[in-house]
């Protein structure tokens, strides 16, 4: 009996179906997460997979290769997964050879993506990892048990698998491109909606939030200053952040744009909140080792705070390296920051203000318990927002369009977590 994965018995076909199903489900979930992270429909919805700075699906969702012209990377995996499932349900020699051929570049692709995520993005998406795992199993099954090429060897690979699959690949390619065009149009519609109806909905939800007080001690470290007194500016943002938090990196880029567009109208106070138990007892584990040291280094000399702040976020990956941090301290002359008691007490005083807010989750004892958390004109936002949403809120505040809305909420939580700013 000729070797075959899908046409000889049910067990091998079953396992092929399982891998195809796994690839399909993982791809669907990554596509769904991509659109939810990039285009949240409401500011009260959180996103999946904020386990740690490493196990973080959002870094992948906002990376430079997350999509091409609005077509998410997961779409191509979805097509491959469906083809494998089709080959298990309706086995045929030609479809099995097509799937065997496609499994090779797919396996190479997932290995490249894995190393890109781990070594460049410094994070790993669990949804993507599911697709990686099923893809590699799928590759093994097809190249271990799939129909062999005839003749054998490299010549057979080109004659039978490649040239023999041209016609079905053309048909599959044409259908895939049609589906990709649909995703492109959907992406454009989503993009347009962010500055239209969705943005207006976000503004309404923002005004439904119950006002909160400002912290008893506002950090003297500001990243934008329009007035001498903090509460004199029309837009006031208190930013609880961590220099090693990928979500804070995304917010940094957002606020850079905001500061330029609303120069002279906005005050932004940077409240140190490193997610490291070394200096923050709200944290039950060290999510970002080294964050406390960076906070002290930035706080040591007020006139050097802003350049250190900017350099840390612009060298986000390097800042995780203790050696690079030591070099940074020497370059700015803040080597004594880690042993200076006055600096440590000031950073601790700023951190402690997070305990002043009513808890927003039963999992955490205090209101400020994660980064980034913003208080914009006395309303709390846990997480970040797409730029269009943040801009809509600020425009509304500047136009003095604030109106009380029934059904007030205590806080707003929406995560757009990333280590890459999506252009």
Protein backbone atom coordinates (compact mmCIF):
# COMPACT_ATOMS: atom_id res chain seq x y z
CA UNK A 1 0.00 0.00 0.00
CA UNK A 2 1.39 3.40 -1.03
CA UNK A 3 2.24 5.70 1.83
CA UNK A 4 -0.39 8.40 2.39
CA UNK A 5 -1.46 10.64 5.25
CA UNK A 6 -5.12 11.07 4.34
CA UNK A 7 -6.08 8.12 2.14
CA UNK A 8 -4.91 5.08 4.09
CA UNK A 9 -7.01 4.56 7.18
CA UNK A 10 -8.65 6.92 9.61
CA UNK A 11 -6.15 7.51 12.40
CA UNK A 12 -3.60 9.44 10.38
CA UNK A 13 -6.40 11.37 8.70
CA UNK A 14 -7.83 12.13 12.15
CA UNK A 15 -4.54 13.59 13.34
CA UNK A 16 -4.26 15.61 10.16
CA UNK A 17 -7.74 16.94 10.85
CA UNK A 18 -6.74 17.83 14.42
CA UNK A 19 -3.70 19.81 13.27
CA UNK A 20 -5.76 21.59 10.62
CA UNK A 21 -8.43 22.41 13.17
CA UNK A 22 -5.79 23.67 15.61
CA UNK A 23 -4.22 25.88 12.94
CA UNK A 24 -7.66 27.23 11.99
CA UNK A 25 -8.75 28.02 15.55
CA UNK A 26 -5.41 29.60 16.50
CA UNK A 27 -5.46 31.71 13.32
CA UNK A 28 -9.04 32.84 13.92
CA UNK A 29 -8.19 33.87 17.47
CA UNK A 30 -5.12 35.84 16.35
CA UNK A 31 -7.18 37.63 13.69
CA UNK A 32 -9.89 38.39 16.23
CA UNK A 33 -7.32 39.69 18.71
CA UNK A 34 -5.62 41.79 16.03
CA UNK A 35 -8.83 43.69 15.29
CA UNK A 36 -9.88 43.95 18.93
CA UNK A 37 -6.51 45.34 19.95
CA UNK A 38 -6.27 47.77 17.04
CA UNK A 39 -9.91 48.76 16.81
CA UNK A 40 -11.68 48.41 20.18
CA UNK A 41 -15.38 49.11 19.87
CA UNK A 42 -15.70 50.30 23.44
CA UNK A 43 -13.33 51.65 26.07
CA UNK A 44 -14.65 49.25 28.69
CA UNK A 45 -13.38 46.10 27.00
CA UNK A 46 -10.00 44.65 27.81
CA UNK A 47 -7.83 42.58 25.50
CA UNK A 48 -6.53 39.04 25.86
CA UNK A 49 -3.20 37.85 27.12
CA UNK A 50 -1.71 40.42 29.47
CA UNK A 51 0.05 37.70 31.44
CA UNK A 52 3.46 39.32 31.61
CA UNK A 53 5.78 41.52 29.60
CA UNK A 54 7.00 38.38 27.80
CA UNK A 55 3.79 36.41 27.37
CA UNK A 56 1.95 39.22 25.66
CA UNK A 57 -0.12 38.84 22.49
CA UNK A 58 -0.41 42.58 22.04
CA UNK A 59 3.22 43.04 21.06
CA UNK A 60 2.55 40.76 18.10
CA UNK A 61 -0.73 42.48 17.28
CA UNK A 62 1.03 45.82 16.94
CA UNK A 63 4.30 44.70 15.39
CA UNK A 64 5.35 45.94 11.96
CA UNK A 65 4.53 42.55 10.42
CA UNK A 66 1.16 42.06 12.11
CA UNK A 67 -0.58 42.92 8.87
CA UNK A 68 0.08 43.87 5.27
CA UNK A 69 -2.25 46.47 3.79
CA UNK A 70 -4.79 45.61 6.45
CA UNK A 71 -4.65 41.84 5.92
CA UNK A 72 -3.65 40.29 9.27
CA UNK A 73 -0.89 37.71 9.23
CA UNK A 74 -3.25 35.20 10.79
CA UNK A 75 -5.39 35.19 7.62
CA UNK A 76 -2.80 33.19 5.71
CA UNK A 77 -2.66 30.66 8.52
CA UNK A 78 -6.44 30.44 8.46
CA UNK A 79 -6.37 29.54 4.76
CA UNK A 80 -3.74 26.85 5.32
CA UNK A 81 -5.64 25.39 8.27
CA UNK A 82 -8.84 25.18 6.26
CA UNK A 83 -7.00 23.48 3.38
CA UNK A 84 -5.61 20.84 5.75
CA UNK A 85 -9.09 20.24 7.18
CA UNK A 86 -10.53 19.98 3.66
CA UNK A 87 -7.86 17.43 2.76
CA UNK A 88 -8.81 15.34 5.80
CA UNK A 89 -12.55 15.48 5.02
CA UNK A 90 -12.21 15.01 1.25
CA UNK A 91 -8.92 13.20 0.69
CA UNK A 92 -7.37 13.22 -2.77
CA UNK A 93 -3.82 12.67 -4.02
CA UNK A 94 -3.53 16.13 -5.55
CA UNK A 95 -4.82 17.99 -2.47
CA UNK A 96 -2.56 15.95 -0.21
CA UNK A 97 0.47 16.90 -2.31
CA UNK A 98 -0.58 20.56 -2.33
CA UNK A 99 -0.90 20.54 1.47
CA UNK A 100 2.42 18.72 1.77
CA UNK A 101 4.10 21.36 -0.38
CA UNK A 102 2.52 24.26 1.53
CA UNK A 103 3.46 22.76 4.89
CA UNK A 104 7.15 23.35 4.14
CA UNK A 105 7.15 27.17 3.69
CA UNK A 106 4.58 27.39 6.48
CA UNK A 107 6.90 25.54 8.89
CA UNK A 108 9.84 27.72 7.87
CA UNK A 109 7.66 30.80 8.30
CA UNK A 110 6.55 29.93 11.82
CA UNK A 111 10.16 29.33 12.86
CA UNK A 112 11.11 32.76 11.54
CA UNK A 113 8.14 34.34 13.34
CA UNK A 114 9.00 32.53 16.57
CA UNK A 115 12.57 33.82 16.58
CA UNK A 116 11.37 37.30 15.53
CA UNK A 117 8.97 37.38 18.49
CA UNK A 118 11.40 36.03 21.07
CA UNK A 119 14.57 37.84 20.05
CA UNK A 120 13.23 41.05 18.48
CA UNK A 121 9.87 41.75 20.10
CA UNK A 122 11.05 40.12 23.35
CA UNK A 123 7.60 38.61 23.81
CA UNK A 124 5.63 35.54 22.83
CA UNK A 125 1.94 35.42 21.96
CA UNK A 126 0.21 32.31 23.30
CA UNK A 127 -2.29 32.40 20.43
CA UNK A 128 0.53 32.53 17.89
CA UNK A 129 2.36 29.79 19.76
CA UNK A 130 -0.65 27.53 19.31
CA UNK A 131 -0.45 28.06 15.57
CA UNK A 132 3.31 27.44 15.61
CA UNK A 133 2.86 24.14 17.42
CA UNK A 134 0.07 22.79 15.19
CA UNK A 135 1.93 23.94 12.06
CA UNK A 136 5.09 22.05 13.00
CA UNK A 137 3.09 18.91 13.82
CA UNK A 138 1.30 19.31 10.49
CA UNK A 139 4.65 19.56 8.68
CA UNK A 140 5.91 16.42 10.41
CA UNK A 141 2.80 14.43 9.51
CA UNK A 142 2.88 15.39 5.84
CA UNK A 143 6.59 14.80 5.34
CA UNK A 144 6.61 11.61 7.40
CA UNK A 145 3.43 9.99 6.10
CA UNK A 146 2.34 12.06 3.08
CA UNK A 147 2.43 10.85 -0.51
CA UNK A 148 6.01 10.73 -1.76
CA UNK A 149 7.04 12.59 -4.88
CA UNK A 150 7.61 10.60 -8.03
CA UNK A 151 10.38 10.29 -9.02
CA UNK A 152 12.01 10.46 -5.60
CA UNK A 153 14.56 13.07 -4.60
CA UNK A 154 15.03 16.69 -5.55
CA UNK A 155 13.91 16.13 -9.14
CA UNK A 156 10.67 14.60 -7.97
CA UNK A 157 10.13 17.46 -5.53
CA UNK A 158 10.18 19.99 -8.37
CA UNK A 159 8.40 17.90 -11.00
CA UNK A 160 5.69 16.35 -8.87
CA UNK A 161 5.14 18.59 -5.85
CA UNK A 162 5.87 22.02 -7.32
CA UNK A 163 5.07 21.85 -11.03
CA UNK A 164 2.36 19.28 -10.46
CA UNK A 165 0.62 21.61 -8.00
CA UNK A 166 0.60 24.74 -10.16
CA UNK A 167 -3.02 24.50 -11.31
CA UNK A 168 -4.59 23.91 -7.88
CA UNK A 169 -2.28 26.53 -6.39
CA UNK A 170 -3.48 29.09 -8.94
CA UNK A 171 -7.09 28.40 -7.99
CA UNK A 172 -6.34 28.47 -4.26
CA UNK A 173 -4.23 31.62 -4.70
CA UNK A 174 -7.00 33.43 -6.57
CA UNK A 175 -9.56 32.61 -3.87
CA UNK A 176 -7.09 33.58 -1.15
CA UNK A 177 -6.42 36.95 -2.79
CA UNK A 178 -10.16 37.61 -3.00
CA UNK A 179 -10.47 36.93 0.72
CA UNK A 180 -7.45 39.12 1.43
CA UNK A 181 -9.07 41.98 -0.50
CA UNK A 182 -12.11 41.60 1.72
CA UNK A 183 -9.93 41.93 4.82
CA UNK A 184 -8.26 44.98 3.29
CA UNK A 185 -11.63 46.67 2.82
CA UNK A 186 -12.72 45.66 6.32
CA UNK A 187 -9.51 47.12 7.77
CA UNK A 188 -10.09 50.41 5.95
CA UNK A 189 -13.66 50.58 7.21
CA UNK A 190 -12.47 49.92 10.75
CA UNK A 191 -9.83 52.62 10.42
CA UNK A 192 -12.38 55.16 9.22
CA UNK A 193 -14.77 54.21 12.02
CA UNK A 194 -12.20 54.96 14.71
CA UNK A 195 -12.37 58.68 13.99
CA UNK A 196 -16.09 58.63 13.40
CA UNK A 197 -18.88 56.90 15.26
CA UNK A 198 -16.66 54.77 17.47
CA UNK A 199 -14.70 57.80 18.66
CA UNK A 200 -17.92 59.57 19.56
CA UNK A 201 -19.05 56.51 21.50
CA UNK A 202 -15.73 56.50 23.36
CA UNK A 203 -16.17 60.15 24.30
CA UNK A 204 -19.64 59.43 25.66
CA UNK A 205 -18.30 56.49 27.66
CA UNK A 206 -15.48 58.66 28.99
CA UNK A 207 -17.97 61.17 30.38
CA UNK A 208 -19.94 58.34 32.00
CA UNK A 209 -16.99 57.67 34.29
CA UNK A 210 -17.26 58.69 37.89
CA UNK A 211 -14.77 61.49 38.60
CA UNK A 212 -11.86 60.62 40.87
CA UNK A 213 -9.66 62.90 42.90
CA UNK A 214 -6.11 63.75 41.99
CA UNK A 215 -3.42 61.98 44.04
CA UNK A 216 -2.46 63.67 47.30
CA UNK A 217 1.03 64.14 45.89
CA UNK A 218 1.45 64.94 42.22
CA UNK A 219 4.86 64.05 40.88
CA UNK A 220 7.16 67.01 40.21
CA UNK A 221 8.37 65.15 37.12
CA UNK A 222 6.36 66.38 34.16
CA UNK A 223 6.69 65.39 30.51
CA UNK A 224 4.55 68.32 29.33
CA UNK A 225 4.10 71.66 31.05
CA UNK A 226 1.72 74.39 29.93
CA UNK A 227 1.18 76.14 33.28
CA UNK A 228 3.07 76.61 36.52
CA UNK A 229 0.32 74.93 38.56
CA UNK A 230 -0.80 71.50 37.47
CA UNK A 231 -4.54 72.15 37.77
CA UNK A 232 -4.42 75.33 35.69
CA UNK A 233 -4.07 73.59 32.32
CA UNK A 234 -7.24 72.74 30.36
CA UNK A 235 -5.95 69.16 29.85
CA UNK A 236 -4.35 67.43 32.82
CA UNK A 237 -2.98 63.90 32.58
CA UNK A 238 -1.52 62.00 35.51
CA UNK A 239 0.34 59.05 34.05
CA UNK A 240 1.17 56.08 36.28
CA UNK A 241 3.83 54.24 34.30
CA UNK A 242 6.77 51.85 34.31
CA UNK A 243 9.82 52.30 32.08
CA UNK A 244 9.91 48.57 31.27
CA UNK A 245 6.20 48.19 30.52
CA UNK A 246 5.45 47.51 26.81
CA UNK A 247 2.02 49.12 27.15
CA UNK A 248 3.67 52.25 28.56
CA UNK A 249 5.91 52.32 25.51
CA UNK A 250 2.82 52.47 23.32
CA UNK A 251 1.39 55.25 25.48
CA UNK A 252 4.70 57.13 25.28
CA UNK A 253 4.36 57.32 21.50
CA UNK A 254 0.71 58.34 21.80
CA UNK A 255 1.52 61.13 24.24
CA UNK A 256 4.41 62.34 22.07
CA UNK A 257 1.87 63.06 19.35
CA UNK A 258 -0.59 64.56 21.82
CA UNK A 259 2.05 66.90 23.29
CA UNK A 260 2.91 68.29 19.87
CA UNK A 261 -0.66 68.75 18.77
CA UNK A 262 -1.85 70.36 22.02
CA UNK A 263 1.26 72.23 23.02
CA UNK A 264 0.52 74.94 25.58
CA UNK A 265 -2.75 73.29 26.63
CA UNK A 266 -1.64 70.17 28.45
CA UNK A 267 0.16 69.20 31.65
CA UNK A 268 1.36 65.61 32.03
CA UNK A 269 2.73 64.42 35.38
CA UNK A 270 4.70 61.18 35.36
CA UNK A 271 3.88 59.13 38.47
CA UNK A 272 6.48 56.40 38.94
CA UNK A 273 4.84 53.00 39.34
CA UNK A 274 7.43 50.29 38.58
CA UNK A 275 5.94 46.81 38.54
CA UNK A 276 8.67 45.38 40.72
CA UNK A 277 8.27 44.30 44.34
CA UNK A 278 11.66 45.78 45.19
CA UNK A 279 10.06 49.21 45.61
CA UNK A 280 6.35 48.64 45.02
CA UNK A 281 4.45 46.48 47.51
CA UNK A 282 1.31 46.57 45.36
CA UNK A 283 3.09 44.15 43.02
CA UNK A 284 3.04 40.50 44.06
CA UNK A 285 5.82 39.50 41.69
CA UNK A 286 8.63 41.18 39.77
CA UNK A 287 7.07 41.60 36.35
CA UNK A 288 9.75 44.08 35.27
CA UNK A 289 13.08 43.53 37.07
CA UNK A 290 15.13 46.71 37.00
CA UNK A 291 12.14 49.06 36.83
CA UNK A 292 12.74 50.37 40.34
CA UNK A 293 16.35 51.23 39.54
CA UNK A 294 15.26 53.10 36.42
CA UNK A 295 12.68 55.08 38.38
CA UNK A 296 15.36 56.19 40.86
CA UNK A 297 17.76 57.09 38.07
CA UNK A 298 15.14 59.23 36.35
CA UNK A 299 14.13 60.89 39.63
CA UNK A 300 17.63 61.61 40.93
CA UNK A 301 18.14 64.91 39.10
CA UNK A 302 14.96 66.83 38.12
CA UNK A 303 16.66 68.66 35.26
CA UNK A 304 17.74 65.32 33.75
CA UNK A 305 14.39 63.57 34.15
CA UNK A 306 12.94 64.33 30.73
CA UNK A 307 15.99 63.35 28.65
CA UNK A 308 16.38 60.14 30.68
CA UNK A 309 12.63 59.46 30.36
CA UNK A 310 12.77 59.86 26.57
CA UNK A 311 15.96 57.84 26.14
CA UNK A 312 14.59 54.94 28.17
CA UNK A 313 11.47 54.61 26.05
CA UNK A 314 13.38 55.11 22.81
CA UNK A 315 15.76 52.34 23.83
CA UNK A 316 13.12 50.12 25.37
CA UNK A 317 14.79 46.76 24.73
CA UNK A 318 18.23 47.99 25.79
CA UNK A 319 16.80 49.31 29.05
CA UNK A 320 16.16 45.71 30.14
CA UNK A 321 19.92 45.08 30.20
CA UNK A 322 21.58 45.87 33.57
CA UNK A 323 24.87 46.72 31.84
CA UNK A 324 23.18 49.24 29.57
CA UNK A 325 21.45 50.78 32.61
CA UNK A 326 24.79 51.24 34.33
CA UNK A 327 26.18 52.93 31.24
CA UNK A 328 23.14 55.19 31.13
CA UNK A 329 23.65 56.17 34.77
CA UNK A 330 27.27 57.08 34.13
CA UNK A 331 26.40 59.02 31.00
CA UNK A 332 23.93 61.20 32.90
CA UNK A 333 25.90 61.31 36.13
CA UNK A 334 23.21 59.64 38.23
CA UNK A 335 25.21 56.67 39.54
CA UNK A 336 24.34 57.58 43.13
CA UNK A 337 20.60 57.35 42.46
CA UNK A 338 20.33 53.75 43.65
CA UNK A 339 21.82 54.50 47.05
CA UNK A 340 20.45 58.00 47.59
CA UNK A 341 17.88 57.72 50.37
CA UNK A 342 16.15 61.00 49.47
CA UNK A 343 15.53 59.83 45.90
CA UNK A 344 14.27 56.44 47.01
CA UNK A 345 11.87 58.04 49.49
CA UNK A 346 10.52 60.41 46.84
CA UNK A 347 9.91 57.57 44.37
CA UNK A 348 8.25 55.56 47.13
CA UNK A 349 6.03 58.52 48.02
CA UNK A 350 4.84 58.78 44.42
CA UNK A 351 4.22 55.03 44.21
CA UNK A 352 2.23 55.05 47.45
CA UNK A 353 -0.35 57.46 45.97
CA UNK A 354 -1.65 54.52 43.99
CA UNK A 355 -3.13 53.14 47.20
CA UNK A 356 -5.42 56.14 47.56
CA UNK A 357 -7.88 54.95 44.94
CA UNK A 358 -10.75 52.57 45.39
CA UNK A 359 -9.90 49.15 44.00
CA UNK A 360 -11.12 48.47 40.48
CA UNK A 361 -10.88 44.68 40.65
CA UNK A 362 -11.33 42.03 43.31
CA UNK A 363 -7.94 40.63 42.27
CA UNK A 364 -6.10 43.75 43.42
CA UNK A 365 -6.25 45.66 46.73
CA UNK A 366 -5.82 49.13 45.24
CA UNK A 367 -7.11 51.25 42.39
CA UNK A 368 -3.75 51.91 40.78
CA UNK A 369 -2.39 48.41 40.36
CA UNK A 370 -1.09 48.18 36.78
CA UNK A 371 0.51 50.28 34.10
CA UNK A 372 -0.24 52.37 32.29
CA UNK A 373 -3.04 54.03 34.22
CA UNK A 374 -4.04 57.57 33.30
CA UNK A 375 -6.18 60.08 35.11
CA UNK A 376 -7.37 62.54 32.47
CA UNK A 377 -9.12 65.53 33.97
CA UNK A 378 -10.11 63.47 37.01
CA UNK A 379 -11.31 60.35 35.14
CA UNK A 380 -9.37 57.13 35.33
CA UNK A 381 -8.34 55.07 32.30
CA UNK A 382 -6.61 51.76 32.99
CA UNK A 383 -4.63 50.83 29.92
CA UNK A 384 -4.29 52.77 26.69
CA UNK A 385 -6.44 53.90 23.80
CA UNK A 386 -5.94 54.19 20.05
CA UNK A 387 -4.77 57.68 19.14
CA UNK A 388 -8.07 58.58 17.48
CA UNK A 389 -9.94 57.83 20.71
CA UNK A 390 -7.50 59.71 22.92
CA UNK A 391 -7.60 62.70 20.59
CA UNK A 392 -11.41 62.66 20.52
CA UNK A 393 -11.53 62.79 24.33
CA UNK A 394 -9.09 65.69 24.48
CA UNK A 395 -10.90 67.61 21.73
CA UNK A 396 -14.13 67.16 23.62
CA UNK A 397 -12.60 68.39 26.88
CA UNK A 398 -11.13 71.42 25.14
CA UNK A 399 -14.48 72.28 23.57
CA UNK A 400 -16.05 72.17 27.03
CA UNK A 401 -18.59 69.71 25.75
CA UNK A 402 -18.69 67.74 28.99
CA UNK A 403 -22.17 66.56 29.84
CA UNK A 404 -23.17 64.24 32.70
CA UNK A 405 -24.25 60.84 31.47
CA UNK A 406 -26.44 58.45 33.42
CA UNK A 407 -25.05 55.10 34.50
CA UNK A 408 -21.69 56.32 35.73
CA UNK A 409 -18.82 53.85 35.95
CA UNK A 410 -15.97 53.98 38.41
CA UNK A 411 -13.14 53.43 35.96
CA UNK A 412 -12.34 52.68 32.37
CA UNK A 413 -10.26 49.70 31.39
CA UNK A 414 -9.03 49.09 27.87
CA UNK A 415 -5.72 47.53 26.97
CA UNK A 416 -3.89 48.34 23.77
CA UNK A 417 -0.61 46.72 24.87
CA UNK A 418 2.31 46.89 22.64
CA UNK A 419 5.99 47.46 22.33
CA UNK A 420 5.62 48.81 18.82
CA UNK A 421 3.74 51.92 17.79
CA UNK A 422 1.46 51.11 14.92
CA UNK A 423 1.70 53.81 12.29
